[in-house]
Protein backbone atom coordinates (compact mmCIF):
# COMPACT_ATOMS: atom_id res chain seq x y z
CA MET A 1 -28.65 0.98 -10.43
CA LYS A 2 -31.73 1.28 -7.79
CA PHE A 3 -32.49 -2.44 -8.67
CA VAL A 4 -29.36 -3.22 -7.71
CA LYS A 5 -29.29 -1.57 -4.23
CA GLN A 6 -32.80 -3.16 -3.45
CA LEU A 7 -31.19 -6.59 -4.40
CA TRP A 8 -28.18 -5.96 -2.45
CA LEU A 9 -30.16 -4.58 0.49
CA PHE A 10 -32.35 -7.31 0.01
CA GLY A 11 -29.50 -9.69 0.15
CA TRP A 12 -27.82 -8.29 3.67
CA GLN A 13 -31.08 -8.63 5.06
CA GLN A 14 -31.61 -11.83 4.32
CA ALA A 15 -27.73 -12.47 5.60
CA LEU A 16 -28.55 -11.12 9.08
CA SER A 17 -32.07 -13.39 9.09
CA CYS A 18 -29.70 -16.46 8.57
CA VAL A 19 -27.57 -15.39 11.55
CA PHE A 20 -28.42 -18.52 13.41
CA PRO A 21 -28.45 -21.12 10.46
CA VAL A 22 -25.14 -20.04 9.25
CA ILE A 23 -23.77 -20.99 12.86
CA ILE A 24 -24.88 -24.38 12.71
CA PHE A 25 -23.35 -24.72 9.11
CA ALA A 26 -20.06 -23.52 10.26
CA THR A 27 -20.22 -25.57 13.38
CA LEU A 28 -20.90 -29.09 11.15
CA ALA A 29 -18.11 -27.63 8.64
CA ILE A 30 -15.34 -26.99 11.50
CA SER A 31 -16.53 -29.91 13.81
CA LYS A 32 -15.46 -32.51 10.57
CA VAL A 33 -12.16 -31.39 10.59
CA ILE A 34 -11.49 -30.24 14.23
CA THR A 35 -11.68 -32.12 17.23
CA ILE A 36 -12.29 -31.63 20.96
CA PRO A 37 -10.69 -34.33 23.19
CA TYR A 38 -12.96 -36.37 25.59
CA LEU A 39 -16.46 -34.99 23.51
CA HIS A 40 -18.21 -36.45 21.00
CA ARG A 41 -18.82 -34.34 17.74
CA TYR A 42 -22.37 -34.12 18.12
CA ASP A 43 -21.93 -33.10 21.74
CA VAL A 44 -19.76 -30.43 20.72
CA ILE A 45 -22.23 -29.05 18.43
CA LEU A 46 -25.13 -29.67 20.57
CA LEU A 47 -22.97 -26.95 22.99
CA ILE A 48 -21.98 -23.91 20.33
CA CYS A 49 -25.36 -24.83 19.44
CA LEU A 50 -27.09 -23.62 23.47
CA LEU A 51 -24.08 -21.01 23.27
CA ALA A 52 -24.94 -19.31 20.18
CA GLN A 53 -28.32 -19.15 21.93
CA VAL A 54 -27.60 -17.04 24.82
CA ALA A 55 -25.39 -14.73 22.55
CA MET A 56 -28.25 -14.46 19.88
CA LEU A 57 -30.34 -12.91 23.32
CA LYS A 58 -27.77 -11.31 24.57
CA PHE A 59 -26.80 -9.26 22.05
CA LYS A 60 -30.73 -8.84 20.77
CA LEU A 61 -29.87 -10.35 17.89
CA GLU A 62 -33.77 -12.37 19.07
CA THR A 63 -36.35 -11.22 21.66
CA TRP A 64 -37.84 -13.87 24.45
CA ASP A 65 -40.94 -14.42 22.75
CA GLU A 66 -38.86 -15.88 18.95
CA LEU A 67 -36.82 -18.05 21.55
CA LYS A 68 -40.62 -19.10 22.37
CA VAL A 69 -41.50 -19.56 19.38
CA ILE A 70 -37.88 -21.48 18.86
CA THR A 71 -37.93 -23.67 21.78
CA LEU A 72 -41.68 -24.94 20.43
CA PHE A 73 -39.94 -26.22 16.52
CA HIS A 74 -36.90 -27.22 18.69
CA ILE A 75 -39.30 -29.93 20.96
CA ILE A 76 -41.74 -30.33 17.33
CA GLY A 77 -38.67 -31.21 15.68
CA LEU A 78 -37.21 -33.78 17.74
CA MET A 79 -40.05 -35.63 18.19
CA LEU A 80 -40.10 -36.14 14.07
CA GLU A 81 -37.05 -36.80 14.47
CA LEU A 82 -37.33 -39.42 16.93
CA TYR A 83 -40.14 -41.22 14.94
CA LYS A 84 -37.75 -40.84 12.06
CA VAL A 85 -35.00 -42.46 12.77
CA HIS A 86 -37.04 -45.42 14.85
CA MET A 87 -38.39 -45.73 11.02
CA GLY A 88 -35.32 -45.92 9.01
CA SER A 89 -35.88 -42.56 7.80
CA TRP A 90 -31.98 -41.26 8.40
CA SER A 91 -29.85 -41.95 10.28
CA TYR A 92 -27.53 -40.54 12.58
CA PRO A 93 -24.56 -42.81 12.53
CA GLU A 94 -22.08 -41.01 15.07
CA GLU A 95 -21.64 -41.30 18.90
CA ALA A 96 -22.24 -39.23 21.23
CA TRP A 97 -23.33 -38.58 25.22
CA THR A 98 -26.36 -36.16 24.32
CA LYS A 99 -28.35 -39.09 22.41
CA ILE A 100 -32.07 -40.70 22.95
CA GLY A 101 -33.30 -43.51 20.60
CA GLY A 102 -30.54 -42.65 18.28
CA VAL A 103 -31.32 -38.70 17.64
CA PRO A 104 -28.44 -36.54 19.09
CA LEU A 105 -30.59 -33.21 21.12
CA TYR A 106 -28.83 -30.77 18.11
CA SER A 107 -30.72 -31.51 15.81
CA GLY A 108 -34.30 -29.79 17.58
CA PHE A 109 -31.87 -26.90 16.43
CA MET A 110 -31.98 -28.26 12.72
CA TYR A 111 -35.53 -27.38 12.94
CA ALA A 112 -35.09 -24.25 15.18
CA SER A 113 -33.11 -23.04 12.61
CA VAL A 114 -36.04 -22.46 10.76
CA ALA A 115 -38.38 -20.79 12.61
CA SER A 116 -34.99 -18.25 13.92
CA TYR A 117 -34.95 -17.63 10.02
CA LEU A 118 -38.60 -16.71 9.94
CA CYS A 119 -38.85 -14.80 12.84
CA GLN A 120 -36.03 -13.10 12.10
CA ALA A 121 -37.10 -12.42 8.30
CA TRP A 122 -40.50 -11.71 9.57
CA ARG A 123 -39.27 -8.69 11.79
CA ARG A 124 -36.36 -7.53 9.59
CA PHE A 125 -39.01 -7.24 6.53
CA ASP A 126 -41.95 -6.28 7.90
CA ILE A 127 -43.69 -9.07 7.05
CA TYR A 128 -47.74 -9.53 6.54
CA PHE A 129 -49.92 -11.65 4.82
CA HIS A 130 -53.02 -10.58 2.43
CA ASN A 131 -56.14 -13.36 2.47
CA TRP A 132 -54.81 -15.40 4.42
CA PRO A 133 -57.42 -18.45 4.90
CA PRO A 134 -59.63 -18.54 7.59
CA GLN A 135 -58.12 -20.07 10.96
CA ILE A 136 -60.08 -23.14 11.75
CA ILE A 137 -58.73 -24.38 7.72
CA ALA A 138 -54.95 -22.65 8.60
CA ILE A 139 -54.86 -24.52 11.55
CA SER A 140 -56.48 -28.05 9.99
CA ILE A 141 -54.31 -27.68 6.80
CA GLY A 142 -50.83 -27.32 9.56
CA ALA A 143 -51.93 -30.64 11.30
CA CYS A 144 -52.43 -32.71 8.65
CA ILE A 145 -49.13 -32.30 6.81
CA TYR A 146 -47.85 -33.07 10.48
CA LEU A 147 -49.87 -36.23 11.18
CA ASN A 148 -49.42 -37.16 7.15
CA PHE A 149 -45.42 -37.59 8.13
CA PHE A 150 -46.06 -39.92 10.75
CA ILE A 151 -48.92 -42.44 9.44
CA HIS A 152 -47.44 -42.23 5.41
CA HIS A 153 -45.42 -45.39 6.95
CA PHE A 154 -48.48 -47.09 7.82
CA LEU A 155 -50.94 -46.01 4.91
CA MET A 156 -50.70 -44.28 1.89
CA ASP A 157 -48.92 -41.01 1.56
CA PHE A 158 -50.87 -38.08 1.23
CA ARG A 159 -49.07 -35.52 0.31
CA TRP A 160 -50.28 -34.45 -3.13
CA ILE A 161 -53.55 -34.42 -1.55
CA LEU A 162 -52.50 -31.98 1.01
CA ILE A 163 -50.60 -29.80 -1.93
CA ALA A 164 -53.73 -29.45 -3.55
CA VAL A 165 -55.33 -28.35 -0.58
CA LEU A 166 -52.72 -26.25 -0.43
CA PHE A 167 -53.09 -24.70 -3.64
CA VAL A 168 -57.27 -23.86 -2.84
CA ALA A 169 -56.50 -22.33 0.60
CA PHE A 170 -54.00 -20.25 -0.51
CA PHE A 171 -54.28 -19.12 -4.09
CA ARG A 172 -55.17 -16.03 -2.65
CA SER A 173 -52.83 -15.45 -0.71
CA ARG A 174 -49.92 -13.00 -0.96
CA VAL A 175 -46.93 -11.92 1.57
CA TYR A 176 -46.01 -8.15 1.62
CA PHE A 177 -42.50 -7.38 2.37
CA THR A 178 -40.55 -4.30 2.66
CA VAL A 179 -36.38 -4.02 1.32
CA GLY A 180 -35.25 -0.45 2.41
CA LYS A 181 -38.92 1.89 1.67
CA GLU A 182 -39.74 -1.02 -1.56
CA ARG A 183 -42.90 -2.27 -0.35
CA TYR A 184 -43.38 -5.87 -2.66
CA HIS A 185 -45.13 -8.75 -2.59
CA MET A 186 -45.55 -11.99 -4.06
CA PRO A 187 -47.87 -15.15 -4.08
CA VAL A 188 -47.21 -17.28 -0.58
CA ILE A 189 -47.37 -20.18 -2.41
CA LEU A 190 -43.98 -19.00 -3.96
CA SER A 191 -42.64 -17.52 -0.70
CA TYR A 192 -42.86 -21.85 0.60
CA PHE A 193 -41.24 -22.88 -2.73
CA LEU A 194 -38.14 -20.86 -2.22
CA VAL A 195 -37.57 -21.06 1.46
CA ALA A 196 -37.89 -25.25 0.62
CA PHE A 197 -35.79 -25.33 -1.85
CA PHE A 198 -32.63 -23.45 -0.23
CA ILE A 199 -33.40 -25.62 2.73
CA TRP A 200 -33.16 -28.57 0.62
CA VAL A 201 -29.64 -27.15 -0.57
CA ALA A 202 -28.82 -27.03 3.25
CA GLU A 203 -29.56 -30.49 3.50
CA ASN A 204 -27.35 -31.79 0.65
CA ILE A 205 -24.58 -29.50 2.40
CA SER A 206 -26.06 -30.41 5.70
CA THR A 207 -25.91 -34.63 4.98
CA LEU A 208 -22.73 -33.55 3.38
CA LEU A 209 -20.70 -32.62 6.34
CA GLY A 210 -22.41 -35.41 7.95
CA ALA A 211 -25.20 -33.92 9.80
CA TRP A 212 -27.31 -37.23 9.02
CA LYS A 213 -27.45 -39.54 6.71
CA TYR A 214 -30.27 -41.04 4.24
CA PRO A 215 -30.32 -44.59 3.34
CA ASP A 216 -28.31 -44.61 0.20
CA GLN A 217 -25.27 -42.17 1.39
CA MET A 218 -24.19 -44.90 4.03
CA HIS A 219 -21.64 -45.82 1.75
CA HIS A 220 -20.97 -42.59 -0.11
CA TRP A 221 -22.44 -39.25 0.00
CA THR A 222 -25.62 -38.43 -2.93
CA TRP A 223 -27.51 -35.37 -3.66
CA VAL A 224 -30.32 -35.96 -1.97
CA HIS A 225 -33.66 -36.79 -4.00
CA TRP A 226 -35.55 -34.15 -5.14
CA GLY A 227 -38.19 -35.60 -4.05
CA LYS A 228 -37.16 -34.41 -0.15
CA LEU A 229 -37.82 -31.17 -1.48
CA THR A 230 -41.96 -31.34 -1.31
CA SER A 231 -41.31 -32.48 2.73
CA TRP A 232 -39.75 -29.29 3.10
CA PHE A 233 -42.25 -27.65 0.92
CA LEU A 234 -44.97 -28.85 3.45
CA LEU A 235 -42.65 -28.72 6.54
CA VAL A 236 -42.24 -25.02 6.09
CA ILE A 237 -45.76 -24.51 4.94
CA ILE A 238 -46.51 -25.96 8.95
CA SER A 239 -43.44 -23.03 10.16
CA PHE A 240 -45.41 -20.30 8.26
CA ILE A 241 -48.74 -21.51 9.60
CA ILE A 242 -46.96 -21.42 13.33
CA VAL A 243 -45.90 -18.53 13.23
CA THR A 244 -48.37 -17.16 12.08
CA GLN A 245 -50.94 -18.40 14.52
CA LEU A 246 -48.63 -16.85 17.36
CA LYS A 247 -48.24 -13.60 16.14
CA GLN A 248 -51.86 -13.24 15.56
CA ILE A 249 -52.65 -14.76 18.71
CA LYS A 250 -49.71 -11.79 19.76
CA LYS A 251 -51.35 -9.76 17.76
CA ARG A 252 -54.96 -10.19 19.57
CA GLY A 253 -53.40 -9.77 22.79
CA GLN A 254 -52.89 -5.73 21.77
CA ASN A 255 -55.59 -5.33 20.59
CA HIS A 256 -55.22 -6.53 16.77
CA ILE A 257 -57.57 -8.85 15.46
CA SER A 258 -56.13 -9.70 11.62
CA VAL A 259 -53.02 -10.84 10.34
CA GLU A 260 -53.75 -8.56 7.51
CA GLU A 261 -51.95 -4.79 7.94
CA PRO A 262 -54.51 -1.64 7.19
CA LYS A 263 -55.53 -2.06 3.38
CA SER A 264 -53.74 1.89 2.99
CA LEU A 265 -50.23 0.00 3.34
CA ILE A 266 -50.89 -2.35 0.40
CA PRO A 267 -49.70 -0.74 -2.67
């Protein structure tokens, strides 16, 4: 009975952490069947994303610090989108007023929604990391992963080398989280994969709803290739590293110098 209660509470907290991603998916679904005169679908999605962001601040579902993190992810994601669309990795076939280089501005919110989830989950589950790699290693890995998204079009794809490095760097790392009054933990690598898997599922739903299309989906929808899991896996790691480093910087400003909590909190 306790297990069922904890599982329910865990699911509920996860659902609350996914408010912004759910708004995006609901908008994609509704805008697929309902049109607004004089507005393109992509423009409507952008407008709703902006209104949702304002509402989340107004109703204190997000803090101003979290908004800064989300904005950073929006910019990073938009830069990646501009490059990937230019290289033909995927496309946004519908018309829009708010398109730059073939990329609708709402696309940055897809990455921002990942940041929103991480920030919300971090707060709701009281997350902290144990045996996190040294700052220089974590930042270097994140930078190399992001760079590889760009250079693999011209050089070899280093993703499997990066994944191997990740397993070495994060082998001893654990993420601790609270559900109710109980403290749990799991390997950090496993948490990366679980988040990446659910993003891959969300990606399939998004492409089905026409958020964007891969080249093999232009004529009819097909499942996104399993290989994209590795891309999301790496992107999730960048997300975790950025959020963790920003949290660490904030804690230093409050006279805390570690991403870890006191050892007595570890079961």
